[in-house]
Structures are given as C-alpha cells and as structure tokens.
Amino acid sequence: MGSACIARALNGARRAAEGKELLRLREALDALERRNEVAEEVIDIVHAYLATNPDAHFTDGAQACMRRALEYLAPGATDEGVPRLSTV
C-alpha cells in the first residue's frame, strides 16, 4: 500500500512537471518500482500529496497505514513500530 501511495503521488506530480523535473520524477518512479527505493525528496512530495489530496475514499486508518509505510520505505528507515515487520 505504501508503494502504491508513493507512486500515486509521484504520478500526480509528474503530470504537472516539465523538463528536468519530469525526468527526476520518472527516475524516482523507476527506483520505486525496480528497487523499492525512495529518494529523500520524494518524501516531501508524498506528504504534500497526502495533505492536499487526502483520497477521500480511503479511511483514516488506511491513510495512517500509508504514512507508516512511507516511513518504512524512507531512506534510513527501520522496521521499528511497523506491525508484523518489527524485530523489537
């Protein structure tokens, strides 16, 4: 679910982008799809997306799950506090 949320936010930003920004977003999507890699700047894009386009069809619980997944996929993240993934 986290990867899908990130991809949705990147695709939304990509539709409005041009030139180098468009290429940067496409590369971020490729990194997400191929390596489950999330660049530092992508986190801000996704948080902005969730703040401005909260996907009304998702429940508050689903949105919270997306945010937790984003934290898990973010650079330097740990699995601490992520249900069923925690090693603590």
PDB file of N, CA and C in Angstrom:
ATOM      1  N   MET A   1       0.825  -1.188   0.000  1.00  0.00           N
ATOM      2  CA  MET A   1       0.000   0.000   0.000  1.00  0.00           C
ATOM      3  C   MET A   1       0.871   1.253   0.000  1.00  0.00           C
ATOM      4  N   GLY A   2       1.975   1.214   0.725  1.00  0.00           N
ATOM      5  CA  GLY A   2       2.858   2.377   0.764  1.00  0.00           C
ATOM      6  C   GLY A   2       3.453   2.696  -0.591  1.00  0.00           C
ATOM      7  N   SER A   3       3.885   1.658  -1.306  1.00  0.00           N
ATOM      8  CA  SER A   3       4.447   1.878  -2.641  1.00  0.00           C
ATOM      9  C   SER A   3       3.399   2.445  -3.588  1.00  0.00           C
ATOM     10  N   ALA A   4       2.171   1.968  -3.461  1.00  0.00           N
ATOM     11  CA  ALA A   4       1.093   2.473  -4.322  1.00  0.00           C
ATOM     12  C   ALA A   4       0.801   3.938  -4.030  1.00  0.00           C
ATOM     13  N   CYS A   5       0.830   4.314  -2.767  1.00  0.00           N
ATOM     14  CA  CYS A   5       0.599   5.709  -2.394  1.00  0.00           C
ATOM     15  C   CYS A   5       1.707   6.607  -2.926  1.00  0.00           C
ATOM     16  N   ILE A   6       2.939   6.154  -2.792  1.00  0.00           N
ATOM     17  CA  ILE A   6       4.077   6.929  -3.286  1.00  0.00           C
ATOM     18  C   ILE A   6       3.985   7.073  -4.801  1.00  0.00           C
ATOM     19  N   ALA A   7       3.676   5.980  -5.493  1.00  0.00           N
ATOM     20  CA  ALA A   7       3.555   6.028  -6.950  1.00  0.00           C
ATOM     21  C   ALA A   7       2.441   6.977  -7.374  1.00  0.00           C
ATOM     22  N   ARG A   8       1.321   6.950  -6.668  1.00  0.00           N
ATOM     23  CA  ARG A   8       0.198   7.840  -6.992  1.00  0.00           C
ATOM     24  C   ARG A   8       0.612   9.304  -6.848  1.00  0.00           C
ATOM     25  N   ALA A   9       1.308   9.619  -5.763  1.00  0.00           N
ATOM     26  CA  ALA A   9       1.760  10.992  -5.543  1.00  0.00           C
ATOM     27  C   ALA A   9       2.774  11.411  -6.609  1.00  0.00           C
ATOM     28  N   LEU A  10       3.708  10.528  -6.945  1.00  0.00           N
ATOM     29  CA  LEU A  10       4.706  10.852  -7.969  1.00  0.00           C
ATOM     30  C   LEU A  10       4.061  11.029  -9.335  1.00  0.00           C
ATOM     31  N   ASN A  11       3.103  10.186  -9.662  1.00  0.00           N
ATOM     32  CA  ASN A  11       2.417  10.334 -10.942  1.00  0.00           C
ATOM     33  C   ASN A  11       1.618  11.626 -11.006  1.00  0.00           C
ATOM     34  N   GLY A  12       1.004  12.010  -9.889  1.00  0.00           N
ATOM     35  CA  GLY A  12       0.289  13.287  -9.846  1.00  0.00           C
ATOM     36  C   GLY A  12       1.224  14.463 -10.068  1.00  0.00           C
ATOM     37  N   ALA A  13       2.370  14.427  -9.411  1.00  0.00           N
ATOM     38  CA  ALA A  13       3.365  15.493  -9.579  1.00  0.00           C
ATOM     39  C   ALA A  13       3.938  15.477 -10.996  1.00  0.00           C
ATOM     40  N   ARG A  14       4.107  14.300 -11.556  1.00  0.00           N
ATOM     41  CA  ARG A  14       4.687  14.159 -12.899  1.00  0.00           C
ATOM     42  C   ARG A  14       3.796  14.788 -13.966  1.00  0.00           C
ATOM     43  N   ARG A  15       2.489  14.689 -13.771  1.00  0.00           N
ATOM     44  CA  ARG A  15       1.556  15.267 -14.762  1.00  0.00           C
ATOM     45  C   ARG A  15       1.716  16.782 -14.885  1.00  0.00           C
ATOM     46  N   ALA A  16       2.135  17.426 -13.795  1.00  0.00           N
ATOM     47  CA  ALA A  16       2.288  18.883 -13.812  1.00  0.00           C
ATOM     48  C   ALA A  16       3.722  19.328 -14.086  1.00  0.00           C
ATOM     49  N   ALA A  17       4.653  18.389 -14.172  1.00  0.00           N
ATOM     50  CA  ALA A  17       6.073  18.723 -14.301  1.00  0.00           C
ATOM     51  C   ALA A  17       6.485  18.854 -15.767  1.00  0.00           C
ATOM     52  N   GLU A  18       7.611  19.539 -15.954  1.00  0.00           N
ATOM     53  CA  GLU A  18       8.201  19.701 -17.292  1.00  0.00           C
ATOM     54  C   GLU A  18       9.717  19.587 -17.188  1.00  0.00           C
ATOM     55  N   GLY A  19      10.342  19.267 -18.290  1.00  0.00           N
ATOM     56  CA  GLY A  19      11.802  19.276 -18.395  1.00  0.00           C
ATOM     57  C   GLY A  19      12.499  18.369 -17.411  1.00  0.00           C
ATOM     58  N   LYS A  20      13.505  18.931 -16.720  1.00  0.00           N
ATOM     59  CA  LYS A  20      14.327  18.152 -15.788  1.00  0.00           C
ATOM     60  C   LYS A  20      13.513  17.613 -14.618  1.00  0.00           C
ATOM     61  N   GLU A  21      12.527  18.368 -14.187  1.00  0.00           N
ATOM     62  CA  GLU A  21      11.677  17.918 -13.086  1.00  0.00           C
ATOM     63  C   GLU A  21      10.903  16.664 -13.485  1.00  0.00           C
ATOM     64  N   LEU A  22      10.425  16.633 -14.710  1.00  0.00           N
ATOM     65  CA  LEU A  22       9.701  15.472 -15.222  1.00  0.00           C
ATOM     66  C   LEU A  22      10.618  14.242 -15.229  1.00  0.00           C
ATOM     67  N   LEU A  23      11.839  14.420 -15.684  1.00  0.00           N
ATOM     68  CA  LEU A  23      12.806  13.322 -15.714  1.00  0.00           C
ATOM     69  C   LEU A  23      13.132  12.847 -14.296  1.00  0.00           C
ATOM     70  N   ARG A  24      13.311  13.777 -13.366  1.00  0.00           N
ATOM     71  CA  ARG A  24      13.622  13.429 -11.973  1.00  0.00           C
ATOM     72  C   ARG A  24      12.493  12.598 -11.360  1.00  0.00           C
ATOM     73  N   LEU A  25      11.252  12.976 -11.628  1.00  0.00           N
ATOM     74  CA  LEU A  25      10.113  12.231 -11.095  1.00  0.00           C
ATOM     75  C   LEU A  25      10.000  10.854 -11.740  1.00  0.00           C
ATOM     76  N   ARG A  26      10.286  10.785 -13.043  1.00  0.00           N
ATOM     77  CA  ARG A  26      10.251   9.488 -13.723  1.00  0.00           C
ATOM     78  C   ARG A  26      11.321   8.552 -13.151  1.00  0.00           C
ATOM     79  N   GLU A  27      12.501   9.097 -12.887  1.00  0.00           N
ATOM     80  CA  GLU A  27      13.572   8.300 -12.288  1.00  0.00           C
ATOM     81  C   GLU A  27      13.188   7.839 -10.878  1.00  0.00           C
ATOM     82  N   ALA A  28      12.498   8.699 -10.129  1.00  0.00           N
ATOM     83  CA  ALA A  28      12.047   8.314  -8.790  1.00  0.00           C
ATOM     84  C   ALA A  28      11.025   7.179  -8.868  1.00  0.00           C
ATOM     85  N   LEU A  29      10.134   7.234  -9.853  1.00  0.00           N
ATOM     86  CA  LEU A  29       9.170   6.147 -10.051  1.00  0.00           C
ATOM     87  C   LEU A  29       9.880   4.848 -10.427  1.00  0.00           C
ATOM     88  N   ASP A  30      10.846   4.944 -11.305  1.00  0.00           N
ATOM     89  CA  ASP A  30      11.607   3.757 -11.701  1.00  0.00           C
ATOM     90  C   ASP A  30      12.325   3.138 -10.503  1.00  0.00           C
ATOM     91  N   ALA A  31      12.939   3.973  -9.660  1.00  0.00           N
ATOM     92  CA  ALA A  31      13.649   3.471  -8.480  1.00  0.00           C
ATOM     93  C   ALA A  31      12.682   2.787  -7.514  1.00  0.00           C
ATOM     94  N   LEU A  32      11.495   3.354  -7.379  1.00  0.00           N
ATOM     95  CA  LEU A  32      10.487   2.755  -6.508  1.00  0.00           C
ATOM     96  C   LEU A  32      10.044   1.401  -7.050  1.00  0.00           C
ATOM     97  N   GLU A  33       9.744   1.350  -8.329  1.00  0.00           N
ATOM     98  CA  GLU A  33       9.228   0.122  -8.930  1.00  0.00           C
ATOM     99  C   GLU A  33      10.281  -0.975  -9.022  1.00  0.00           C
ATOM    100  N   ARG A  34      11.507  -0.611  -9.338  1.00  0.00           N
ATOM    101  CA  ARG A  34      12.541  -1.634  -9.565  1.00  0.00           C
ATOM    102  C   ARG A  34      13.268  -2.061  -8.298  1.00  0.00           C
ATOM    103  N   ARG A  35      13.470  -1.111  -7.369  1.00  0.00           N
ATOM    104  CA  ARG A  35      14.314  -1.418  -6.209  1.00  0.00           C
ATOM    105  C   ARG A  35      13.658  -1.107  -4.863  1.00  0.00           C
ATOM    106  N   ASN A  36      12.387  -0.695  -4.871  1.00  0.00           N
ATOM    107  CA  ASN A  36      11.721  -0.255  -3.639  1.00  0.00           C
ATOM    108  C   ASN A  36      12.529   0.841  -2.958  1.00  0.00           C
ATOM    109  N   GLU A  37      13.123   1.703  -3.761  1.00  0.00           N
ATOM    110  CA  GLU A  37      13.981   2.778  -3.271  1.00  0.00           C
ATOM    111  C   GLU A  37      13.208   4.091  -3.300  1.00  0.00           C
ATOM    112  N   VAL A  38      13.286   4.825  -2.201  1.00  0.00           N
ATOM    113  CA  VAL A  38      12.598   6.112  -2.096  1.00  0.00           C
ATOM    114  C   VAL A  38      13.633   7.183  -1.791  1.00  0.00           C
ATOM    115  N   ALA A  39      13.802   8.125  -2.709  1.00  0.00           N
ATOM    116  CA  ALA A  39      14.757   9.210  -2.523  1.00  0.00           C
ATOM    117  C   ALA A  39      14.231  10.194  -1.471  1.00  0.00           C
ATOM    118  N   GLU A  40      15.139  10.879  -0.835  1.00  0.00           N
ATOM    119  CA  GLU A  40      14.796  11.826   0.239  1.00  0.00           C
ATOM    120  C   GLU A  40      13.745  12.858  -0.211  1.00  0.00           C
ATOM    121  N   GLU A  41      13.901  13.428  -1.408  1.00  0.00           N
ATOM    122  CA  GLU A  41      12.959  14.467  -1.860  1.00  0.00           C
ATOM    123  C   GLU A  41      11.563  13.918  -2.152  1.00  0.00           C
ATOM    124  N   VAL A  42      11.464  12.633  -2.372  1.00  0.00           N
ATOM    125  CA  VAL A  42      10.167  12.017  -2.660  1.00  0.00           C
ATOM    126  C   VAL A  42       9.265  12.068  -1.424  1.00  0.00           C
ATOM    127  N   ILE A  43       9.855  11.985  -0.263  1.00  0.00           N
ATOM    128  CA  ILE A  43       9.083  12.006   0.977  1.00  0.00           C
ATOM    129  C   ILE A  43       8.265  13.290   1.070  1.00  0.00           C
ATOM    130  N   ASP A  44       8.877  14.427   0.752  1.00  0.00           N
ATOM    131  CA  ASP A  44       8.162  15.704   0.797  1.00  0.00           C
ATOM    132  C   ASP A  44       7.031  15.736  -0.221  1.00  0.00           C
ATOM    133  N   ILE A  45       7.269  15.183  -1.407  1.00  0.00           N
ATOM    134  CA  ILE A  45       6.236  15.145  -2.444  1.00  0.00           C
ATOM    135  C   ILE A  45       5.032  14.347  -1.959  1.00  0.00           C
ATOM    136  N   VAL A  46       5.285  13.214  -1.329  1.00  0.00           N
ATOM    137  CA  VAL A  46       4.191  12.352  -0.870  1.00  0.00           C
ATOM    138  C   VAL A  46       3.443  12.987   0.292  1.00  0.00           C
ATOM    139  N   HIS A  47       4.165  13.581   1.230  1.00  0.00           N
ATOM    140  CA  HIS A  47       3.480  14.243   2.344  1.00  0.00           C
ATOM    141  C   HIS A  47       2.611  15.398   1.831  1.00  0.00           C
ATOM    142  N   ALA A  48       3.092  16.144   0.858  1.00  0.00           N
ATOM    143  CA  ALA A  48       2.294  17.222   0.274  1.00  0.00           C
ATOM    144  C   ALA A  48       1.052  16.664  -0.411  1.00  0.00           C
ATOM    145  N   TYR A  49       1.212  15.555  -1.100  1.00  0.00           N
ATOM    146  CA  TYR A  49       0.076  14.907  -1.763  1.00  0.00           C
ATOM    147  C   TYR A  49      -0.975  14.483  -0.745  1.00  0.00           C
ATOM    148  N   LEU A  50      -0.533  13.842   0.329  1.00  0.00           N
ATOM    149  CA  LEU A  50      -1.478  13.391   1.350  1.00  0.00           C
ATOM    150  C   LEU A  50      -2.171  14.569   2.026  1.00  0.00           C
ATOM    151  N   ALA A  51      -1.469  15.690   2.151  1.00  0.00           N
ATOM    152  CA  ALA A  51      -2.055  16.861   2.797  1.00  0.00           C
ATOM    153  C   ALA A  51      -3.065  17.568   1.895  1.00  0.00           C
ATOM    154  N   THR A  52      -2.813  17.581   0.595  1.00  0.00           N
ATOM    155  CA  THR A  52      -3.688  18.325  -0.316  1.00  0.00           C
ATOM    156  C   THR A  52      -4.701  17.451  -1.031  1.00  0.00           C
ATOM    157  N   ASN A  53      -4.441  16.168  -1.130  1.00  0.00           N
ATOM    158  CA  ASN A  53      -5.334  15.241  -1.813  1.00  0.00           C
ATOM    159  C   ASN A  53      -5.461  13.994  -0.945  1.00  0.00           C
ATOM    160  N   PRO A  54      -6.278  14.092   0.109  1.00  0.00           N
ATOM    161  CA  PRO A  54      -6.285  13.008   1.088  1.00  0.00           C
ATOM    162  C   PRO A  54      -6.983  11.725   0.635  1.00  0.00           C
ATOM    163  N   ASP A  55      -7.364  11.643  -0.635  1.00  0.00           N
ATOM    164  CA  ASP A  55      -8.029  10.433  -1.123  1.00  0.00           C
ATOM    165  C   ASP A  55      -9.214  10.078  -0.239  1.00  0.00           C
ATOM    166  N   ALA A  56     -10.264  10.837  -0.375  1.00  0.00           N
ATOM    167  CA  ALA A  56     -11.436  10.712   0.486  1.00  0.00           C
ATOM    168  C   ALA A  56     -11.986   9.289   0.541  1.00  0.00           C
ATOM    169  N   HIS A  57     -11.741   8.490  -0.489  1.00  0.00           N
ATOM    170  CA  HIS A  57     -12.264   7.137  -0.471  1.00  0.00           C
ATOM    171  C   HIS A  57     -11.468   6.206   0.447  1.00  0.00           C
ATOM    172  N   PHE A  58     -10.310   6.665   0.941  1.00  0.00           N
ATOM    173  CA  PHE A  58      -9.551   5.880   1.913  1.00  0.00           C
ATOM    174  C   PHE A  58      -9.976   6.279   3.320  1.00  0.00           C
ATOM    175  N   THR A  59     -10.087   5.312   4.190  1.00  0.00           N
ATOM    176  CA  THR A  59     -10.418   5.605   5.581  1.00  0.00           C
ATOM    177  C   THR A  59      -9.223   6.254   6.263  1.00  0.00           C
ATOM    178  N   ASP A  60      -9.468   6.829   7.435  1.00  0.00           N
ATOM    179  CA  ASP A  60      -8.364   7.413   8.204  1.00  0.00           C
ATOM    180  C   ASP A  60      -7.321   6.349   8.527  1.00  0.00           C
ATOM    181  N   GLY A  61      -7.775   5.136   8.816  1.00  0.00           N
ATOM    182  CA  GLY A  61      -6.858   4.044   9.112  1.00  0.00           C
ATOM    183  C   GLY A  61      -5.983   3.697   7.925  1.00  0.00           C
ATOM    184  N   ALA A  62      -6.566   3.692   6.726  1.00  0.00           N
ATOM    185  CA  ALA A  62      -5.800   3.385   5.518  1.00  0.00           C
ATOM    186  C   ALA A  62      -4.768   4.477   5.252  1.00  0.00           C
ATOM    187  N   GLN A  63      -5.160   5.736   5.460  1.00  0.00           N
ATOM    188  CA  GLN A  63      -4.213   6.831   5.257  1.00  0.00           C
ATOM    189  C   GLN A  63      -3.069   6.745   6.268  1.00  0.00           C
ATOM    190  N   ALA A  64      -3.392   6.376   7.505  1.00  0.00           N
ATOM    191  CA  ALA A  64      -2.350   6.221   8.526  1.00  0.00           C
ATOM    192  C   ALA A  64      -1.397   5.090   8.133  1.00  0.00           C
ATOM    193  N   CYS A  65      -1.947   4.029   7.572  1.00  0.00           N
ATOM    194  CA  CYS A  65      -1.124   2.907   7.120  1.00  0.00           C
ATOM    195  C   CYS A  65      -0.186   3.362   6.003  1.00  0.00           C
ATOM    196  N   MET A  66      -0.668   4.205   5.096  1.00  0.00           N
ATOM    197  CA  MET A  66       0.177   4.737   4.018  1.00  0.00           C
ATOM    198  C   MET A  66       1.327   5.545   4.585  1.00  0.00           C
ATOM    199  N   ARG A  67       1.025   6.369   5.581  1.00  0.00           N
ATOM    200  CA  ARG A  67       2.086   7.180   6.178  1.00  0.00           C
ATOM    201  C   ARG A  67       3.131   6.299   6.868  1.00  0.00           C
ATOM    202  N   ARG A  68       2.675   5.265   7.568  1.00  0.00           N
ATOM    203  CA  ARG A  68       3.628   4.345   8.220  1.00  0.00           C
ATOM    204  C   ARG A  68       4.478   3.624   7.179  1.00  0.00           C
ATOM    205  N   ALA A  69       3.850   3.217   6.085  1.00  0.00           N
ATOM    206  CA  ALA A  69       4.606   2.530   5.033  1.00  0.00           C
ATOM    207  C   ALA A  69       5.641   3.466   4.419  1.00  0.00           C
ATOM    208  N   LEU A  70       5.279   4.731   4.240  1.00  0.00           N
ATOM    209  CA  LEU A  70       6.224   5.706   3.705  1.00  0.00           C
ATOM    210  C   LEU A  70       7.412   5.846   4.653  1.00  0.00           C
ATOM    211  N   GLU A  71       7.129   5.886   5.952  1.00  0.00           N
ATOM    212  CA  GLU A  71       8.221   5.970   6.923  1.00  0.00           C
ATOM    213  C   GLU A  71       9.116   4.741   6.839  1.00  0.00           C
ATOM    214  N   TYR A  72       8.517   3.594   6.596  1.00  0.00           N
ATOM    215  CA  TYR A  72       9.293   2.360   6.498  1.00  0.00           C
ATOM    216  C   TYR A  72      10.167   2.337   5.242  1.00  0.00           C
ATOM    217  N   LEU A  73       9.643   2.860   4.123  1.00  0.00           N
ATOM    218  CA  LEU A  73      10.373   2.848   2.859  1.00  0.00           C
ATOM    219  C   LEU A  73      11.378   3.988   2.739  1.00  0.00           C
ATOM    220  N   ALA A  74      11.276   4.985   3.592  1.00  0.00           N
ATOM    221  CA  ALA A  74      12.137   6.166   3.506  1.00  0.00           C
ATOM    222  C   ALA A  74      13.595   5.801   3.765  1.00  0.00           C
ATOM    223  N   PRO A  75      14.524   6.580   3.202  1.00  0.00           N
ATOM    224  CA  PRO A  75      15.950   6.312   3.436  1.00  0.00           C
ATOM    225  C   PRO A  75      16.276   6.329   4.924  1.00  0.00           C
ATOM    226  N   GLY A  76      17.015   5.339   5.357  1.00  0.00           N
ATOM    227  CA  GLY A  76      17.427   5.267   6.748  1.00  0.00           C
ATOM    228  C   GLY A  76      16.352   4.754   7.687  1.00  0.00           C
ATOM    229  N   ALA A  77      15.240   4.298   7.139  1.00  0.00           N
ATOM    230  CA  ALA A  77      14.141   3.833   7.979  1.00  0.00           C
ATOM    231  C   ALA A  77      14.482   2.494   8.615  1.00  0.00           C
ATOM    232  N   THR A  78      13.831   2.244   9.725  1.00  0.00           N
ATOM    233  CA  THR A  78      13.939   0.938  10.372  1.00  0.00           C
ATOM    234  C   THR A  78      12.562   0.311  10.397  1.00  0.00           C
ATOM    235  N   ASP A  79      12.482  -0.923  10.798  1.00  0.00           N
ATOM    236  CA  ASP A  79      11.179  -1.569  10.873  1.00  0.00           C
ATOM    237  C   ASP A  79      10.542  -1.414  12.256  1.00  0.00           C
ATOM    238  N   GLU A  80      11.144  -0.628  13.112  1.00  0.00           N
ATOM    239  CA  GLU A  80      10.619  -0.431  14.454  1.00  0.00           C
ATOM    240  C   GLU A  80       9.244   0.221  14.399  1.00  0.00           C
ATOM    241  N   GLY A  81       8.284  -0.374  15.053  1.00  0.00           N
ATOM    242  CA  GLY A  81       6.937   0.182  15.115  1.00  0.00           C
ATOM    243  C   GLY A  81       6.047  -0.141  13.942  1.00  0.00           C
ATOM    244  N   VAL A  82       6.549  -0.896  12.978  1.00  0.00           N
ATOM    245  CA  VAL A  82       5.728  -1.291  11.833  1.00  0.00           C
ATOM    246  C   VAL A  82       5.157  -2.680  12.128  1.00  0.00           C
ATOM    247  N   PRO A  83       3.825  -2.767  12.292  1.00  0.00           N
ATOM    248  CA  PRO A  83       3.237  -4.055  12.658  1.00  0.00           C
ATOM    249  C   PRO A  83       3.678  -5.186  11.717  1.00  0.00           C
ATOM    250  N   ARG A  84       3.954  -6.342  12.293  1.00  0.00           N
ATOM    251  CA  ARG A  84       4.367  -7.559  11.612  1.00  0.00           C
ATOM    252  C   ARG A  84       5.735  -7.453  10.948  1.00  0.00           C
ATOM    253  N   LEU A  85       6.392  -6.300  11.040  1.00  0.00           N
ATOM    254  CA  LEU A  85       7.739  -6.189  10.494  1.00  0.00           C
ATOM    255  C   LEU A  85       8.767  -5.893  11.595  1.00  0.00           C
ATOM    256  N   SER A  86       8.272  -5.490  12.763  1.00  0.00           N
ATOM    257  CA  SER A  86       9.175  -5.138  13.858  1.00  0.00           C
ATOM    258  C   SER A  86      10.000  -6.325  14.313  1.00  0.00           C
ATOM    259  N   THR A  87      11.235  -6.045  14.584  1.00  0.00           N
ATOM    260  CA  THR A  87      12.101  -7.069  15.152  1.00  0.00           C
ATOM    261  C   THR A  87      12.278  -6.830  16.642  1.00  0.00           C
ATOM    262  N   VAL A  88      11.696  -5.757  17.155  1.00  0.00           N
ATOM    263  CA  VAL A  88      11.822  -5.402  18.572  1.00  0.00           C
ATOM    264  C   VAL A  88      10.732  -6.077  19.355  1.00  0.00           C
TER     265      VAL A  88
END
